[in-house]
Amino acid sequence: MLIRVNNRLAQWKKGLVGLSLIALLLLGFGLPVIAAPTMPTADAAPLATPTAPDANDIPSETVSRFVRAYIAVVKLIESRELSLQRAETDTESHQMQQEIQAAALELIQADGLTLSAYWELLGLANSDPEFRDRVLAQIDEADP
């Protein structure tokens, strides 16, 4: 039993990182475009750097919504991956990607998350070991 659980956690752990890479390719919509940096002038105000949220401040319900959305998006991508790979033209591939993006956004919003909140939580799950463990525990509970 313990080996099965550890194998599942290892798969999901790889999936969090793997999906974030896939998601960047497939779901790369709505992301801010970063302009090329300019040289600061003497009177320019320093730029504020956004800070990652503290994983301990994220309510369990938000984590649960993220996990439900994450699992739904993973299943969506898995269900369409083969069709996407078999696309014969760039136009067909692009059309499929747009359909996947729209469906993924609907799934994310159906769980009460904004796209930016989903990305933020996915990034946190990939960068914060404690938050990742919270997410993996809920994934394991949701998918026995």
Protein backbone atom coordinates (compact mmCIF):
# COMPACT_ATOMS: atom_id res chain seq x y z
CA MET A 1 0.00 0.00 0.00
CA LEU A 2 2.77 2.44 0.97
CA ILE A 3 4.66 1.70 -2.26
CA ARG A 4 1.52 2.38 -4.33
CA VAL A 5 0.98 5.69 -2.54
CA ASN A 6 4.62 6.69 -2.98
CA ASN A 7 4.48 5.78 -6.68
CA ARG A 8 1.32 7.85 -7.15
CA LEU A 9 2.87 10.82 -5.32
CA ALA A 10 5.99 10.54 -7.47
CA GLN A 11 3.84 10.49 -10.62
CA TRP A 12 1.85 13.52 -9.52
CA LYS A 13 5.01 15.32 -8.43
CA LYS A 14 6.45 14.81 -11.90
CA GLY A 15 3.08 15.82 -13.30
CA LEU A 16 3.09 19.16 -11.50
CA VAL A 17 6.36 20.08 -13.09
CA GLY A 18 5.53 18.42 -16.40
CA LEU A 19 2.12 20.00 -16.63
CA SER A 20 3.50 23.41 -15.91
CA LEU A 21 5.75 23.02 -18.95
CA ILE A 22 2.91 21.67 -21.09
CA ALA A 23 0.62 24.34 -19.75
CA LEU A 24 3.06 27.06 -20.71
CA LEU A 25 2.90 25.79 -24.27
CA LEU A 26 -0.80 25.00 -24.48
CA LEU A 27 -2.33 27.40 -22.03
CA GLY A 28 0.01 30.31 -22.57
CA PHE A 29 -2.84 32.74 -22.97
CA GLY A 30 -3.61 35.60 -20.68
CA LEU A 31 -0.03 35.90 -19.55
CA PRO A 32 1.42 39.36 -19.36
CA VAL A 33 3.94 40.25 -22.00
CA ILE A 34 7.14 41.55 -20.51
CA ALA A 35 8.73 44.44 -22.34
CA ALA A 36 12.44 44.57 -22.89
CA PRO A 37 14.14 46.15 -19.91
CA THR A 38 15.28 49.73 -20.21
CA MET A 39 18.18 51.37 -18.52
CA PRO A 40 17.05 53.02 -15.29
CA THR A 41 17.50 56.74 -14.97
CA ALA A 42 18.69 58.47 -11.83
CA ASP A 43 15.23 59.75 -10.94
CA ALA A 44 13.34 56.54 -11.78
CA ALA A 45 11.44 54.96 -8.90
CA PRO A 46 12.52 51.41 -8.02
CA LEU A 47 10.26 48.73 -9.42
CA ALA A 48 8.21 46.74 -6.95
CA THR A 49 8.86 43.04 -7.17
CA PRO A 50 5.85 40.84 -6.65
CA THR A 51 6.20 38.41 -3.80
CA ALA A 52 4.92 34.88 -3.90
CA PRO A 53 2.03 34.22 -1.56
CA ASP A 54 2.76 32.47 1.70
CA ALA A 55 1.57 28.89 1.31
CA ASN A 56 0.35 28.88 4.91
CA ASP A 57 -2.02 31.76 4.12
CA ILE A 58 -3.82 29.86 1.36
CA PRO A 59 -7.13 28.47 2.66
CA SER A 60 -7.82 24.75 2.32
CA GLU A 61 -10.87 25.48 0.16
CA THR A 62 -8.69 27.38 -2.32
CA VAL A 63 -6.25 24.47 -2.44
CA SER A 64 -9.18 22.08 -2.98
CA ARG A 65 -10.49 24.21 -5.85
CA PHE A 66 -7.02 24.31 -7.38
CA VAL A 67 -6.64 20.53 -7.08
CA ARG A 68 -10.02 19.92 -8.74
CA ALA A 69 -9.12 22.31 -11.56
CA TYR A 70 -5.62 20.85 -11.91
CA ILE A 71 -6.94 17.29 -12.19
CA ALA A 72 -9.56 18.39 -14.73
CA VAL A 73 -6.96 20.22 -16.83
CA VAL A 74 -4.58 17.23 -16.70
CA LYS A 75 -7.37 14.92 -17.88
CA LEU A 76 -8.30 17.38 -20.62
CA ILE A 77 -4.72 17.60 -21.89
CA GLU A 78 -4.27 13.83 -21.70
CA SER A 79 -7.51 13.27 -23.62
CA ARG A 80 -6.49 15.62 -26.44
CA GLU A 81 -2.74 15.04 -26.53
CA LEU A 82 -2.79 12.29 -29.16
CA SER A 83 -5.11 14.26 -31.46
CA LEU A 84 -2.87 17.29 -31.11
CA GLN A 85 0.20 15.25 -31.99
CA ARG A 86 -1.58 13.88 -35.06
CA ALA A 87 -2.52 17.28 -36.41
CA GLU A 88 -1.42 17.39 -40.03
CA THR A 89 -1.00 21.13 -40.42
CA ASP A 90 0.08 24.02 -38.25
CA THR A 91 -3.35 25.53 -38.74
CA GLU A 92 -5.05 22.39 -37.44
CA SER A 93 -2.65 22.22 -34.49
CA HIS A 94 -3.23 25.88 -33.67
CA GLN A 95 -7.01 25.39 -33.85
CA MET A 96 -6.80 22.41 -31.45
CA GLN A 97 -4.60 24.37 -29.06
CA GLN A 98 -7.15 27.19 -29.00
CA GLU A 99 -9.93 24.69 -28.28
CA ILE A 100 -7.90 23.16 -25.45
CA GLN A 101 -7.15 26.62 -24.06
CA ALA A 102 -10.83 27.55 -24.06
CA ALA A 103 -11.85 24.26 -22.46
CA ALA A 104 -9.11 24.54 -19.82
CA LEU A 105 -10.15 28.08 -18.96
CA GLU A 106 -13.75 26.92 -18.54
CA LEU A 107 -12.60 24.11 -16.22
CA ILE A 108 -10.49 26.49 -14.15
CA GLN A 109 -13.28 29.04 -13.86
CA ALA A 110 -15.83 26.31 -13.07
CA ASP A 111 -13.84 25.64 -9.91
CA GLY A 112 -14.03 29.29 -8.93
CA LEU A 113 -10.49 30.29 -9.85
CA THR A 114 -9.21 32.99 -12.13
CA LEU A 115 -6.55 32.06 -14.63
CA SER A 116 -3.99 34.17 -12.77
CA ALA A 117 -4.85 32.48 -9.45
CA TYR A 118 -4.49 29.06 -11.10
CA TRP A 119 -1.07 30.00 -12.53
CA GLU A 120 0.02 31.40 -9.18
CA LEU A 121 -0.98 28.22 -7.34
CA LEU A 122 0.62 26.00 -9.99
CA GLY A 123 3.84 27.99 -9.69
CA LEU A 124 3.72 27.76 -5.92
CA ALA A 125 3.17 23.99 -6.11
CA ASN A 126 6.29 23.75 -8.24
CA SER A 127 8.43 25.98 -6.04
CA ASP A 128 7.30 25.47 -2.43
CA PRO A 129 7.82 21.93 -1.07
CA GLU A 130 5.33 22.36 1.77
CA PHE A 131 2.60 23.65 -0.52
CA ARG A 132 3.41 20.90 -3.03
CA ASP A 133 2.88 18.35 -0.25
CA ARG A 134 -0.53 19.88 0.55
CA VAL A 135 -1.50 19.70 -3.10
CA LEU A 136 -0.20 16.15 -3.54
CA ALA A 137 -2.07 14.97 -0.45
CA GLN A 138 -5.33 16.32 -1.86
CA ILE A 139 -4.61 14.90 -5.30
CA ASP A 140 -4.04 11.50 -3.75
CA GLU A 141 -7.31 11.76 -1.81
CA ALA A 142 -9.20 12.83 -4.94
CA ASP A 143 -7.78 10.06 -7.13
CA PRO A 144 -7.47 6.89 -5.01
